[in-house]
Amino acid sequence: MEWKWDFTLQILPRLIEATGATLMAAAFGYLIAMVLGLGLALAQRTPYGALTRVVREGVEFIRSTPLILQIFFVFYVAPQFGVTLSPWVAGMLAIGLHYAAYLSEVYRGGLESVDRGQWEAATSLNLGTAHAYRRIILPQALPNAIPGMGNYLVGILKDTPMLSVIGVGELMHTANAIGAETYRFLEPFTLVGLIFLTISLPLAELVRRAETRLRRKLGLVK
């Protein structure tokens, strides 16, 4: 099958528009994952053993089940309990919840890398737990967590095509629609791959630079 350049130029605007939708879904999903993931990580470090066990088991359950199943559950099952969401909202919530479980482990690893003496210093200064986390512990833990956080940001971007199963108009959904309309799949699917590659590689480099800059700002490297 030959590559048709005129067809490529014809479908490119639709794919570029869908790229914006894909980036928006990934950004909002990642924002949810970052906030919720930190909450899950901190909930596993409380003196309340029952809470820690419940949160830990919940995180493991989410990590052990496929993202696509969670997308279906939020979109198709939740309405049976009175919670009806649009495809966009359901998709972003499912992605956010799924990756929050993974990010909670990244945060937990960063928190555990902070020397115990830092907690002792905070206690000696009569700092409350929230103050100690905000001013002492988290600033030291987050730089260690950034590489993992960056990897999952790229992972979220690459998992957004799963949202096409509930009708979210992201890149893969649009490429499928173009193929169904024109019976040509070579150009749209190839372009989708190139678009993801064009976004993912600079994004990974940006994460590496952000990590280096933050470490220098905190005086962890010269």
N, C-alpha and C. Protein backbone atom coordinates (compact mmCIF):
# COMPACT_ATOMS: atom_id res chain seq x y z
N MET A 1 0.84 -1.20 0.00
CA MET A 1 0.00 0.00 0.00
C MET A 1 0.87 1.25 0.00
N GLU A 2 0.61 2.16 -0.92
CA GLU A 2 1.39 3.39 -1.01
C GLU A 2 0.97 4.40 0.03
N TRP A 3 1.96 5.22 0.41
CA TRP A 3 1.67 6.35 1.32
C TRP A 3 1.10 7.50 0.49
N LYS A 4 -0.07 8.00 0.88
CA LYS A 4 -0.72 9.09 0.15
C LYS A 4 -0.51 10.41 0.90
N TRP A 5 0.30 11.28 0.28
CA TRP A 5 0.63 12.53 0.96
C TRP A 5 -0.56 13.49 0.98
N ASP A 6 -1.36 13.48 -0.07
CA ASP A 6 -2.52 14.36 -0.07
C ASP A 6 -3.52 13.94 1.00
N PHE A 7 -3.67 12.66 1.22
CA PHE A 7 -4.54 12.15 2.27
C PHE A 7 -3.98 12.51 3.64
N THR A 8 -2.65 12.43 3.76
CA THR A 8 -1.99 12.78 5.02
C THR A 8 -2.29 14.22 5.40
N LEU A 9 -2.14 15.13 4.43
CA LEU A 9 -2.41 16.55 4.69
C LEU A 9 -3.88 16.79 5.01
N GLN A 10 -4.72 15.96 4.45
CA GLN A 10 -6.16 16.11 4.68
C GLN A 10 -6.54 15.73 6.11
N ILE A 11 -5.95 14.68 6.65
CA ILE A 11 -6.33 14.19 7.98
C ILE A 11 -5.51 14.82 9.10
N LEU A 12 -4.40 15.48 8.76
CA LEU A 12 -3.51 16.02 9.79
C LEU A 12 -4.21 17.01 10.72
N PRO A 13 -5.04 17.94 10.22
CA PRO A 13 -5.72 18.87 11.15
C PRO A 13 -6.58 18.15 12.19
N ARG A 14 -7.26 17.08 11.80
CA ARG A 14 -8.08 16.33 12.76
C ARG A 14 -7.21 15.68 13.83
N LEU A 15 -6.07 15.17 13.42
CA LEU A 15 -5.19 14.53 14.39
C LEU A 15 -4.54 15.55 15.31
N ILE A 16 -4.21 16.72 14.77
CA ILE A 16 -3.64 17.78 15.62
C ILE A 16 -4.65 18.23 16.66
N GLU A 17 -5.91 18.37 16.25
CA GLU A 17 -6.97 18.72 17.20
C GLU A 17 -7.11 17.64 18.27
N ALA A 18 -7.05 16.38 17.86
CA ALA A 18 -7.15 15.28 18.82
C ALA A 18 -5.94 15.24 19.75
N THR A 19 -4.79 15.72 19.27
CA THR A 19 -3.60 15.78 20.11
C THR A 19 -3.84 16.69 21.30
N GLY A 20 -4.51 17.81 21.06
CA GLY A 20 -4.84 18.71 22.16
C GLY A 20 -5.72 18.03 23.20
N ALA A 21 -6.68 17.24 22.73
CA ALA A 21 -7.56 16.52 23.65
C ALA A 21 -6.76 15.48 24.43
N THR A 22 -5.83 14.82 23.77
CA THR A 22 -4.99 13.82 24.44
C THR A 22 -4.14 14.46 25.52
N LEU A 23 -3.52 15.59 25.20
CA LEU A 23 -2.68 16.28 26.18
C LEU A 23 -3.50 16.76 27.37
N MET A 24 -4.71 17.23 27.11
CA MET A 24 -5.56 17.69 28.20
C MET A 24 -5.95 16.53 29.12
N ALA A 25 -6.30 15.40 28.53
CA ALA A 25 -6.65 14.23 29.33
C ALA A 25 -5.47 13.77 30.17
N ALA A 26 -4.28 13.76 29.56
CA ALA A 26 -3.09 13.33 30.30
C ALA A 26 -2.75 14.31 31.41
N ALA A 27 -2.88 15.62 31.14
CA ALA A 27 -2.54 16.63 32.15
C ALA A 27 -3.47 16.56 33.35
N PHE A 28 -4.77 16.50 33.10
CA PHE A 28 -5.71 16.45 34.22
C PHE A 28 -5.61 15.13 34.97
N GLY A 29 -5.43 14.04 34.23
CA GLY A 29 -5.26 12.74 34.89
C GLY A 29 -4.02 12.73 35.77
N TYR A 30 -2.94 13.33 35.29
CA TYR A 30 -1.70 13.36 36.07
C TYR A 30 -1.84 14.27 37.29
N LEU A 31 -2.55 15.37 37.14
CA LEU A 31 -2.77 16.26 38.28
C LEU A 31 -3.53 15.53 39.39
N ILE A 32 -4.57 14.80 39.00
CA ILE A 32 -5.33 14.01 39.98
C ILE A 32 -4.41 12.98 40.63
N ALA A 33 -3.60 12.32 39.82
CA ALA A 33 -2.72 11.27 40.33
C ALA A 33 -1.69 11.84 41.30
N MET A 34 -1.14 13.01 41.01
CA MET A 34 -0.14 13.61 41.89
C MET A 34 -0.72 13.94 43.26
N VAL A 35 -1.87 14.58 43.26
CA VAL A 35 -2.48 15.00 44.53
C VAL A 35 -2.96 13.79 45.33
N LEU A 36 -3.72 12.91 44.67
CA LEU A 36 -4.25 11.75 45.35
C LEU A 36 -3.14 10.79 45.76
N GLY A 37 -2.12 10.65 44.91
CA GLY A 37 -1.01 9.76 45.23
C GLY A 37 -0.27 10.19 46.48
N LEU A 38 -0.07 11.51 46.63
CA LEU A 38 0.60 12.01 47.84
C LEU A 38 -0.26 11.73 49.07
N GLY A 39 -1.58 11.93 48.94
CA GLY A 39 -2.47 11.63 50.05
C GLY A 39 -2.42 10.16 50.45
N LEU A 40 -2.37 9.27 49.46
CA LEU A 40 -2.30 7.83 49.74
C LEU A 40 -0.97 7.47 50.40
N ALA A 41 0.11 8.12 49.95
CA ALA A 41 1.42 7.84 50.56
C ALA A 41 1.46 8.28 52.01
N LEU A 42 0.93 9.47 52.28
CA LEU A 42 0.93 9.97 53.67
C LEU A 42 0.00 9.15 54.54
N ALA A 43 -1.10 8.66 53.97
CA ALA A 43 -2.04 7.85 54.75
C ALA A 43 -1.43 6.53 55.19
N GLN A 44 -0.36 6.10 54.51
CA GLN A 44 0.31 4.86 54.89
C GLN A 44 1.41 5.09 55.92
N ARG A 45 1.55 6.35 56.36
CA ARG A 45 2.60 6.68 57.33
C ARG A 45 2.01 7.25 58.62
N THR A 46 0.74 6.98 58.87
CA THR A 46 0.10 7.47 60.09
C THR A 46 0.30 6.45 61.21
N PRO A 47 0.10 6.88 62.46
CA PRO A 47 0.20 5.92 63.58
C PRO A 47 -1.00 5.00 63.70
N TYR A 48 -1.98 5.17 62.82
CA TYR A 48 -3.18 4.35 62.87
C TYR A 48 -3.00 3.12 61.98
N GLY A 49 -2.75 2.00 62.59
CA GLY A 49 -2.44 0.78 61.85
C GLY A 49 -3.55 0.34 60.93
N ALA A 50 -4.81 0.46 61.39
CA ALA A 50 -5.94 0.02 60.58
C ALA A 50 -6.03 0.84 59.29
N LEU A 51 -5.87 2.15 59.40
CA LEU A 51 -5.91 3.02 58.23
C LEU A 51 -4.79 2.67 57.26
N THR A 52 -3.61 2.46 57.80
CA THR A 52 -2.47 2.11 56.95
C THR A 52 -2.72 0.82 56.17
N ARG A 53 -3.26 -0.18 56.85
CA ARG A 53 -3.52 -1.46 56.18
C ARG A 53 -4.59 -1.32 55.10
N VAL A 54 -5.66 -0.58 55.40
CA VAL A 54 -6.73 -0.40 54.43
C VAL A 54 -6.22 0.32 53.18
N VAL A 55 -5.47 1.40 53.39
CA VAL A 55 -4.94 2.17 52.26
C VAL A 55 -3.96 1.32 51.46
N ARG A 56 -3.11 0.59 52.15
CA ARG A 56 -2.11 -0.23 51.45
C ARG A 56 -2.78 -1.32 50.61
N GLU A 57 -3.80 -1.96 51.17
CA GLU A 57 -4.51 -2.99 50.40
C GLU A 57 -5.24 -2.37 49.22
N GLY A 58 -5.81 -1.18 49.42
CA GLY A 58 -6.49 -0.50 48.32
C GLY A 58 -5.53 -0.15 47.19
N VAL A 59 -4.34 0.32 47.55
CA VAL A 59 -3.32 0.64 46.55
C VAL A 59 -2.91 -0.61 45.78
N GLU A 60 -2.70 -1.71 46.49
CA GLU A 60 -2.31 -2.94 45.82
C GLU A 60 -3.41 -3.47 44.91
N PHE A 61 -4.67 -3.30 45.33
CA PHE A 61 -5.78 -3.74 44.50
C PHE A 61 -5.81 -2.96 43.18
N ILE A 62 -5.64 -1.65 43.27
CA ILE A 62 -5.67 -0.81 42.07
C ILE A 62 -4.49 -1.15 41.16
N ARG A 63 -3.31 -1.34 41.76
CA ARG A 63 -2.12 -1.66 40.97
C ARG A 63 -2.22 -3.04 40.32
N SER A 64 -3.02 -3.91 40.89
CA SER A 64 -3.09 -5.29 40.40
C SER A 64 -4.21 -5.52 39.40
N THR A 65 -4.99 -4.50 39.11
CA THR A 65 -6.08 -4.65 38.14
C THR A 65 -5.82 -3.76 36.94
N PRO A 66 -6.26 -4.16 35.74
CA PRO A 66 -5.94 -3.40 34.52
C PRO A 66 -6.62 -2.03 34.50
N LEU A 67 -5.94 -1.07 33.91
CA LEU A 67 -6.50 0.27 33.77
C LEU A 67 -7.80 0.24 32.98
N ILE A 68 -7.84 -0.57 31.93
CA ILE A 68 -9.05 -0.58 31.09
C ILE A 68 -10.27 -1.07 31.88
N LEU A 69 -10.06 -2.00 32.81
CA LEU A 69 -11.16 -2.46 33.65
C LEU A 69 -11.64 -1.33 34.55
N GLN A 70 -10.72 -0.54 35.07
CA GLN A 70 -11.09 0.58 35.93
C GLN A 70 -11.84 1.66 35.15
N ILE A 71 -11.44 1.85 33.89
CA ILE A 71 -12.15 2.81 33.04
C ILE A 71 -13.59 2.35 32.83
N PHE A 72 -13.77 1.07 32.52
CA PHE A 72 -15.12 0.53 32.35
C PHE A 72 -15.92 0.65 33.63
N PHE A 73 -15.29 0.37 34.76
CA PHE A 73 -16.00 0.40 36.03
C PHE A 73 -16.50 1.81 36.33
N VAL A 74 -15.64 2.81 36.17
CA VAL A 74 -16.03 4.19 36.47
C VAL A 74 -17.13 4.67 35.53
N PHE A 75 -17.04 4.27 34.25
CA PHE A 75 -17.99 4.80 33.27
C PHE A 75 -19.29 4.00 33.22
N TYR A 76 -19.20 2.68 33.31
CA TYR A 76 -20.39 1.85 33.13
C TYR A 76 -21.01 1.35 34.44
N VAL A 77 -20.19 1.09 35.44
CA VAL A 77 -20.71 0.53 36.69
C VAL A 77 -21.13 1.62 37.67
N ALA A 78 -20.36 2.68 37.75
CA ALA A 78 -20.69 3.76 38.69
C ALA A 78 -22.11 4.30 38.52
N PRO A 79 -22.65 4.44 37.29
CA PRO A 79 -24.04 4.91 37.15
C PRO A 79 -25.07 4.04 37.87
N GLN A 80 -24.76 2.76 38.07
CA GLN A 80 -25.68 1.89 38.79
C GLN A 80 -25.76 2.25 40.27
N PHE A 81 -24.79 3.01 40.73
CA PHE A 81 -24.79 3.49 42.11
C PHE A 81 -25.13 4.98 42.18
N GLY A 82 -25.69 5.50 41.10
CA GLY A 82 -26.14 6.88 41.08
C GLY A 82 -25.09 7.90 40.68
N VAL A 83 -23.93 7.45 40.19
CA VAL A 83 -22.86 8.37 39.80
C VAL A 83 -22.67 8.26 38.29
N THR A 84 -23.22 9.22 37.56
CA THR A 84 -23.13 9.22 36.10
C THR A 84 -22.15 10.30 35.66
N LEU A 85 -21.14 9.90 34.92
CA LEU A 85 -20.09 10.83 34.49
C LEU A 85 -19.98 10.82 32.98
N SER A 86 -19.54 11.95 32.43
CA SER A 86 -19.28 12.01 30.99
C SER A 86 -18.05 11.18 30.68
N PRO A 87 -17.87 10.78 29.42
CA PRO A 87 -16.66 10.00 29.07
C PRO A 87 -15.37 10.70 29.46
N TRP A 88 -15.32 12.02 29.27
CA TRP A 88 -14.11 12.77 29.63
C TRP A 88 -13.81 12.67 31.11
N VAL A 89 -14.80 12.98 31.93
CA VAL A 89 -14.60 12.99 33.37
C VAL A 89 -14.29 11.59 33.88
N ALA A 90 -15.04 10.60 33.39
CA ALA A 90 -14.80 9.22 33.81
C ALA A 90 -13.39 8.77 33.43
N GLY A 91 -12.97 9.12 32.22
CA GLY A 91 -11.64 8.73 31.77
C GLY A 91 -10.53 9.35 32.59
N MET A 92 -10.64 10.64 32.86
CA MET A 92 -9.60 11.32 33.63
C MET A 92 -9.57 10.83 35.07
N LEU A 93 -10.76 10.56 35.65
CA LEU A 93 -10.79 10.04 37.02
C LEU A 93 -10.18 8.65 37.09
N ALA A 94 -10.49 7.81 36.10
CA ALA A 94 -9.94 6.45 36.10
C ALA A 94 -8.42 6.47 35.96
N ILE A 95 -7.93 7.29 35.04
CA ILE A 95 -6.47 7.40 34.87
C ILE A 95 -5.84 7.98 36.12
N GLY A 96 -6.46 9.02 36.69
CA GLY A 96 -5.93 9.64 37.89
C GLY A 96 -5.86 8.67 39.05
N LEU A 97 -6.92 7.90 39.25
CA LEU A 97 -6.95 6.93 40.35
C LEU A 97 -5.92 5.82 40.13
N HIS A 98 -5.86 5.32 38.90
CA HIS A 98 -4.92 4.24 38.59
C HIS A 98 -3.48 4.67 38.87
N TYR A 99 -3.10 5.81 38.35
CA TYR A 99 -1.71 6.25 38.51
C TYR A 99 -1.43 6.84 39.88
N ALA A 100 -2.48 7.23 40.61
CA ALA A 100 -2.28 7.66 42.00
C ALA A 100 -1.72 6.51 42.83
N ALA A 101 -2.19 5.30 42.56
CA ALA A 101 -1.68 4.13 43.29
C ALA A 101 -0.19 3.94 43.03
N TYR A 102 0.22 4.11 41.77
CA TYR A 102 1.63 3.96 41.45
C TYR A 102 2.46 5.11 42.01
N LEU A 103 1.95 6.33 41.89
CA LEU A 103 2.70 7.48 42.40
C LEU A 103 2.81 7.44 43.92
N SER A 104 1.81 6.85 44.59
CA SER A 104 1.90 6.76 46.06
C SER A 104 3.13 5.95 46.46
N GLU A 105 3.46 4.92 45.68
CA GLU A 105 4.65 4.12 45.97
C GLU A 105 5.92 4.91 45.67
N VAL A 106 5.88 5.74 44.64
CA VAL A 106 7.02 6.60 44.33
C VAL A 106 7.24 7.61 45.45
N TYR A 107 6.15 8.23 45.90
CA TYR A 107 6.24 9.17 47.02
C TYR A 107 6.76 8.45 48.27
N ARG A 108 6.23 7.25 48.53
CA ARG A 108 6.62 6.52 49.74
C ARG A 108 8.11 6.22 49.73
N GLY A 109 8.62 5.83 48.55
CA GLY A 109 10.05 5.59 48.45
C GLY A 109 10.86 6.85 48.72
N GLY A 110 10.38 7.99 48.19
CA GLY A 110 11.06 9.25 48.44
C GLY A 110 11.03 9.63 49.90
N LEU A 111 9.89 9.43 50.55
CA LEU A 111 9.76 9.77 51.97
C LEU A 111 10.67 8.89 52.83
N GLU A 112 10.75 7.62 52.49
CA GLU A 112 11.57 6.71 53.28
C GLU A 112 13.06 6.93 53.05
N SER A 113 13.41 7.65 51.99
CA SER A 113 14.82 7.94 51.74
C SER A 113 15.34 9.09 52.60
N VAL A 114 14.42 9.83 53.23
CA VAL A 114 14.83 10.94 54.10
C VAL A 114 15.36 10.37 55.41
N ASP A 115 16.51 10.84 55.81
CA ASP A 115 17.14 10.34 57.03
C ASP A 115 16.24 10.52 58.25
N ARG A 116 16.22 9.52 59.11
CA ARG A 116 15.39 9.58 60.31
C ARG A 116 15.77 10.76 61.21
N GLY A 117 17.03 11.17 61.11
CA GLY A 117 17.47 12.31 61.92
C GLY A 117 16.72 13.59 61.61
N GLN A 118 16.18 13.70 60.40
CA GLN A 118 15.40 14.89 60.05
C GLN A 118 14.12 14.97 60.89
N TRP A 119 13.50 13.81 61.12
CA TRP A 119 12.32 13.78 61.99
C TRP A 119 12.70 14.14 63.42
N GLU A 120 13.83 13.63 63.87
CA GLU A 120 14.27 13.94 65.23
C GLU A 120 14.56 15.42 65.39
N ALA A 121 15.13 16.02 64.33
CA ALA A 121 15.40 17.46 64.39
C ALA A 121 14.08 18.24 64.44
N ALA A 122 13.09 17.82 63.64
CA ALA A 122 11.80 18.49 63.65
C ALA A 122 11.12 18.37 65.01
N THR A 123 11.25 17.20 65.63
CA THR A 123 10.65 17.00 66.95
C THR A 123 11.32 17.88 67.99
N SER A 124 12.65 17.99 67.90
CA SER A 124 13.38 18.82 68.86
C SER A 124 13.01 20.30 68.73
N LEU A 125 12.56 20.70 67.55
CA LEU A 125 12.15 22.09 67.33
C LEU A 125 10.66 22.30 67.61
N ASN A 126 10.01 21.23 68.12
CA ASN A 126 8.57 21.29 68.44
C ASN A 126 7.71 21.61 67.22
N LEU A 127 8.11 21.09 66.07
CA LEU A 127 7.31 21.29 64.86
C LEU A 127 6.21 20.23 64.79
N GLY A 128 5.02 20.64 64.39
CA GLY A 128 3.94 19.69 64.20
C GLY A 128 4.21 18.81 63.00
N THR A 129 3.44 17.72 62.89
CA THR A 129 3.66 16.77 61.80
C THR A 129 3.47 17.42 60.43
N ALA A 130 2.39 18.20 60.28
CA ALA A 130 2.11 18.84 58.99
C ALA A 130 3.22 19.84 58.64
N HIS A 131 3.67 20.58 59.64
CA HIS A 131 4.73 21.57 59.40
C HIS A 131 6.04 20.88 59.03
N ALA A 132 6.32 19.78 59.72
CA ALA A 132 7.56 19.04 59.44
C ALA A 132 7.54 18.48 58.02
N TYR A 133 6.40 17.93 57.61
CA TYR A 133 6.29 17.42 56.25
C TYR A 133 6.50 18.53 55.23
N ARG A 134 5.82 19.66 55.46
CA ARG A 134 5.82 20.74 54.47
C ARG A 134 7.18 21.42 54.36
N ARG A 135 7.84 21.65 55.48
CA ARG A 135 9.06 22.46 55.47
C ARG A 135 10.35 21.64 55.45
N ILE A 136 10.31 20.40 55.91
CA ILE A 136 11.55 19.63 56.05
C ILE A 136 11.55 18.35 55.22
N ILE A 137 10.53 17.52 55.41
CA ILE A 137 10.55 16.17 54.83
C ILE A 137 10.28 16.17 53.33
N LEU A 138 9.16 16.79 52.92
CA LEU A 138 8.78 16.76 51.50
C LEU A 138 9.82 17.43 50.59
N PRO A 139 10.40 18.59 50.98
CA PRO A 139 11.42 19.19 50.10
C PRO A 139 12.61 18.28 49.85
N GLN A 140 12.91 17.38 50.79
CA GLN A 140 14.02 16.44 50.59
C GLN A 140 13.56 15.17 49.88
N ALA A 141 12.29 14.81 50.06
CA ALA A 141 11.81 13.57 49.47
C ALA A 141 11.46 13.72 48.00
N LEU A 142 10.90 14.86 47.61
CA LEU A 142 10.41 15.02 46.25
C LEU A 142 11.49 14.91 45.18
N PRO A 143 12.70 15.47 45.38
CA PRO A 143 13.71 15.29 44.33
C PRO A 143 14.02 13.83 44.04
N ASN A 144 13.96 12.98 45.08
CA ASN A 144 14.21 11.55 44.86
C ASN A 144 13.05 10.88 44.14
N ALA A 145 11.86 11.51 44.22
CA ALA A 145 10.67 10.93 43.60
C ALA A 145 10.49 11.38 42.16
N ILE A 146 11.15 12.45 41.76
CA ILE A 146 10.91 13.04 40.44
C ILE A 146 11.15 12.08 39.28
N PRO A 147 12.24 11.28 39.29
CA PRO A 147 12.41 10.36 38.15
C PRO A 147 11.23 9.42 37.96
N GLY A 148 10.74 8.83 39.06
CA GLY A 148 9.58 7.95 38.95
C GLY A 148 8.33 8.70 38.54
N MET A 149 8.16 9.91 39.06
CA MET A 149 7.00 10.72 38.69
C MET A 149 7.03 11.04 37.20
N GLY A 150 8.22 11.34 36.70
CA GLY A 150 8.34 11.64 35.27
C GLY A 150 8.03 10.45 34.40
N ASN A 151 8.48 9.27 34.82
CA ASN A 151 8.20 8.06 34.06
C ASN A 151 6.69 7.81 33.96
N TYR A 152 5.99 8.05 35.05
CA TYR A 152 4.54 7.81 35.04
C TYR A 152 3.80 8.89 34.27
N LEU A 153 4.38 10.08 34.18
CA LEU A 153 3.77 11.11 33.33
C LEU A 153 3.78 10.66 31.88
N VAL A 154 4.92 10.13 31.43
CA VAL A 154 5.01 9.60 30.07
C VAL A 154 4.08 8.39 29.92
N GLY A 155 3.99 7.58 30.99
CA GLY A 155 3.10 6.42 30.95
C GLY A 155 1.64 6.80 30.80
N ILE A 156 1.23 7.85 31.50
CA ILE A 156 -0.15 8.33 31.37
C ILE A 156 -0.42 8.78 29.94
N LEU A 157 0.53 9.51 29.39
CA LEU A 157 0.36 9.98 28.01
C LEU A 157 0.16 8.81 27.06
N LYS A 158 0.94 7.75 27.23
CA LYS A 158 0.84 6.59 26.34
C LYS A 158 -0.39 5.73 26.61
N ASP A 159 -0.98 5.88 27.80
CA ASP A 159 -2.18 5.11 28.12
C ASP A 159 -3.48 5.82 27.76
N THR A 160 -3.40 7.08 27.34
CA THR A 160 -4.63 7.80 26.98
C THR A 160 -5.41 7.13 25.85
N PRO A 161 -4.77 6.38 24.91
CA PRO A 161 -5.57 5.69 23.89
C PRO A 161 -6.62 4.74 24.46
N MET A 162 -6.42 4.27 25.69
CA MET A 162 -7.42 3.39 26.30
C MET A 162 -8.76 4.11 26.50
N LEU A 163 -8.73 5.43 26.57
CA LEU A 163 -9.97 6.17 26.76
C LEU A 163 -10.87 6.09 25.55
N SER A 164 -10.32 5.65 24.42
CA SER A 164 -11.14 5.54 23.21
C SER A 164 -12.25 4.50 23.38
N VAL A 165 -12.08 3.56 24.33
CA VAL A 165 -13.08 2.50 24.50
C VAL A 165 -14.40 3.05 25.06
N ILE A 166 -14.36 4.25 25.67
CA ILE A 166 -15.60 4.85 26.16
C ILE A 166 -15.96 6.10 25.35
N GLY A 167 -15.33 6.24 24.19
CA GLY A 167 -15.71 7.31 23.27
C GLY A 167 -15.05 8.65 23.46
N VAL A 168 -13.96 8.70 24.23
CA VAL A 168 -13.23 9.96 24.38
C VAL A 168 -12.48 10.24 23.08
N GLY A 169 -12.64 11.44 22.57
CA GLY A 169 -12.09 11.76 21.26
C GLY A 169 -10.62 12.12 21.27
N GLU A 170 -9.78 11.20 21.77
CA GLU A 170 -8.34 11.46 21.76
C GLU A 170 -7.73 10.93 20.45
N LEU A 171 -6.41 10.84 20.40
CA LEU A 171 -5.73 10.51 19.15
C LEU A 171 -6.14 9.16 18.56
N MET A 172 -6.11 8.11 19.36
CA MET A 172 -6.41 6.79 18.82
C MET A 172 -7.86 6.68 18.37
N HIS A 173 -8.74 7.29 19.12
CA HIS A 173 -10.16 7.28 18.74
C HIS A 173 -10.35 7.98 17.40
N THR A 174 -9.67 9.10 17.23
CA THR A 174 -9.77 9.85 15.97
C THR A 174 -9.16 9.07 14.81
N ALA A 175 -8.00 8.42 15.05
CA ALA A 175 -7.37 7.63 14.01
C ALA A 175 -8.27 6.46 13.59
N ASN A 176 -8.90 5.82 14.57
CA ASN A 176 -9.83 4.74 14.26
C ASN A 176 -11.00 5.23 13.43
N ALA A 177 -11.51 6.41 13.81
CA ALA A 177 -12.64 6.98 13.07
C ALA A 177 -12.26 7.29 11.63
N ILE A 178 -11.05 7.85 11.44
CA ILE A 178 -10.58 8.15 10.09
C ILE A 178 -10.45 6.87 9.28
N GLY A 179 -9.88 5.83 9.89
CA GLY A 179 -9.73 4.56 9.19
C GLY A 179 -11.07 3.95 8.81
N ALA A 180 -12.05 4.05 9.72
CA ALA A 180 -13.37 3.49 9.43
C ALA A 180 -14.07 4.26 8.30
N GLU A 181 -13.80 5.57 8.23
CA GLU A 181 -14.45 6.39 7.21
C GLU A 181 -13.81 6.19 5.83
N THR A 182 -12.50 6.01 5.81
CA THR A 182 -11.77 6.04 4.53
C THR A 182 -11.20 4.67 4.13
N TYR A 183 -11.24 3.71 5.04
CA TYR A 183 -10.65 2.40 4.82
C TYR A 183 -9.14 2.48 4.60
N ARG A 184 -8.54 3.53 5.13
CA ARG A 184 -7.09 3.67 5.11
C ARG A 184 -6.62 3.84 6.55
N PHE A 185 -5.75 2.91 6.98
CA PHE A 185 -5.27 2.93 8.37
C PHE A 185 -3.78 3.22 8.45
N LEU A 186 -3.06 3.08 7.33
CA LEU A 186 -1.61 3.27 7.35
C LEU A 186 -1.26 4.68 7.81
N GLU A 187 -1.81 5.68 7.15
CA GLU A 187 -1.43 7.06 7.45
C GLU A 187 -1.87 7.51 8.85
N PRO A 188 -3.15 7.31 9.25
CA PRO A 188 -3.54 7.81 10.57
C PRO A 188 -2.80 7.12 11.71
N PHE A 189 -2.62 5.79 11.64
CA PHE A 189 -1.94 5.11 12.73
C PHE A 189 -0.45 5.45 12.78
N THR A 190 0.16 5.60 11.61
CA THR A 190 1.57 6.00 11.58
C THR A 190 1.75 7.39 12.16
N LEU A 191 0.86 8.30 11.79
CA LEU A 191 0.95 9.66 12.31
C LEU A 191 0.73 9.70 13.82
N VAL A 192 -0.18 8.87 14.31
CA VAL A 192 -0.40 8.80 15.76
C VAL A 192 0.87 8.36 16.47
N GLY A 193 1.54 7.35 15.93
CA GLY A 193 2.79 6.90 16.52
C GLY A 193 3.85 7.99 16.53
N LEU A 194 3.96 8.71 15.42
CA LEU A 194 4.95 9.79 15.33
C LEU A 194 4.62 10.93 16.28
N ILE A 195 3.33 11.24 16.43
CA ILE A 195 2.92 12.31 17.35
C ILE A 195 3.27 11.94 18.79
N PHE A 196 2.98 10.70 19.18
CA PHE A 196 3.31 10.26 20.53
C PHE A 196 4.82 10.30 20.76
N LEU A 197 5.57 9.89 19.76
CA LEU A 197 7.03 9.91 19.87
C LEU A 197 7.53 11.34 19.99
N THR A 198 6.96 12.25 19.21
CA THR A 198 7.37 13.65 19.23
C THR A 198 7.09 14.30 20.57
N ILE A 199 6.04 13.87 21.24
CA ILE A 199 5.70 14.43 22.55
C ILE A 199 6.49 13.75 23.67
N SER A 200 6.62 12.43 23.61
CA SER A 200 7.20 11.67 24.72
C SER A 200 8.69 11.94 24.90
N LEU A 201 9.45 12.01 23.81
CA LEU A 201 10.90 12.20 23.94
C LEU A 201 11.26 13.54 24.57
N PRO A 202 10.71 14.68 24.10
CA PRO A 202 11.01 15.94 24.77
C PRO A 202 10.49 15.98 26.21
N LEU A 203 9.37 15.33 26.45
CA LEU A 203 8.81 15.30 27.81
C LEU A 203 9.75 14.58 28.76
N ALA A 204 10.32 13.47 28.33
CA ALA A 204 11.28 12.73 29.17
C ALA A 204 12.52 13.57 29.45
N GLU A 205 12.98 14.29 28.43
CA GLU A 205 14.15 15.16 28.62
C GLU A 205 13.82 16.31 29.57
N LEU A 206 12.63 16.85 29.46
CA LEU A 206 12.19 17.93 30.36
C LEU A 206 12.17 17.46 31.81
N VAL A 207 11.71 16.25 32.04
CA VAL A 207 11.68 15.69 33.40
C VAL A 207 13.10 15.56 33.94
N ARG A 208 14.03 15.09 33.12
CA ARG A 208 15.42 14.96 33.57
C ARG A 208 16.01 16.31 33.94
N ARG A 209 15.73 17.32 33.13
CA ARG A 209 16.26 18.65 33.43
C ARG A 209 15.63 19.23 34.68
N ALA A 210 14.34 18.99 34.87
CA ALA A 210 13.66 19.48 36.08
C ALA A 210 14.25 18.84 37.33
N GLU A 211 14.56 17.56 37.24
CA GLU A 211 15.16 16.86 38.38
C GLU A 211 16.52 17.48 38.71
N THR A 212 17.36 17.69 37.69
CA THR A 212 18.68 18.26 37.92
C THR A 212 18.59 19.67 38.50
N ARG A 213 17.68 20.48 37.95
CA ARG A 213 17.53 21.85 38.44
C ARG A 213 17.06 21.88 39.88
N LEU A 214 16.11 21.01 40.23
CA LEU A 214 15.59 21.00 41.59
C LEU A 214 16.65 20.54 42.57
N ARG A 215 17.43 19.55 42.18
CA ARG A 215 18.49 19.06 43.05
C ARG A 215 19.54 20.15 43.29
N ARG A 216 19.85 20.91 42.25
CA ARG A 216 20.82 22.00 42.41
C ARG A 216 20.26 23.10 43.31
N LYS A 217 18.98 23.39 43.12
CA LYS A 217 18.35 24.43 43.94
C LYS A 217 18.34 24.06 45.41
N LEU A 218 18.17 22.77 45.71
CA LEU A 218 18.15 22.32 47.08
C LEU A 218 19.55 22.02 47.62
N GLY A 219 20.56 22.20 46.77
CA GLY A 219 21.94 21.98 47.21
C GLY A 219 22.32 20.53 47.33
N LEU A 220 21.57 19.64 46.64
CA LEU A 220 21.87 18.21 46.72
C LEU A 220 22.95 17.80 45.75
N VAL A 221 23.15 18.60 44.68
CA VAL A 221 24.26 18.38 43.75
C VAL A 221 24.86 19.73 43.41
N LYS A 222 26.11 19.69 42.93
CA LYS A 222 26.79 20.93 42.56
C LYS A 222 26.50 21.28 41.10
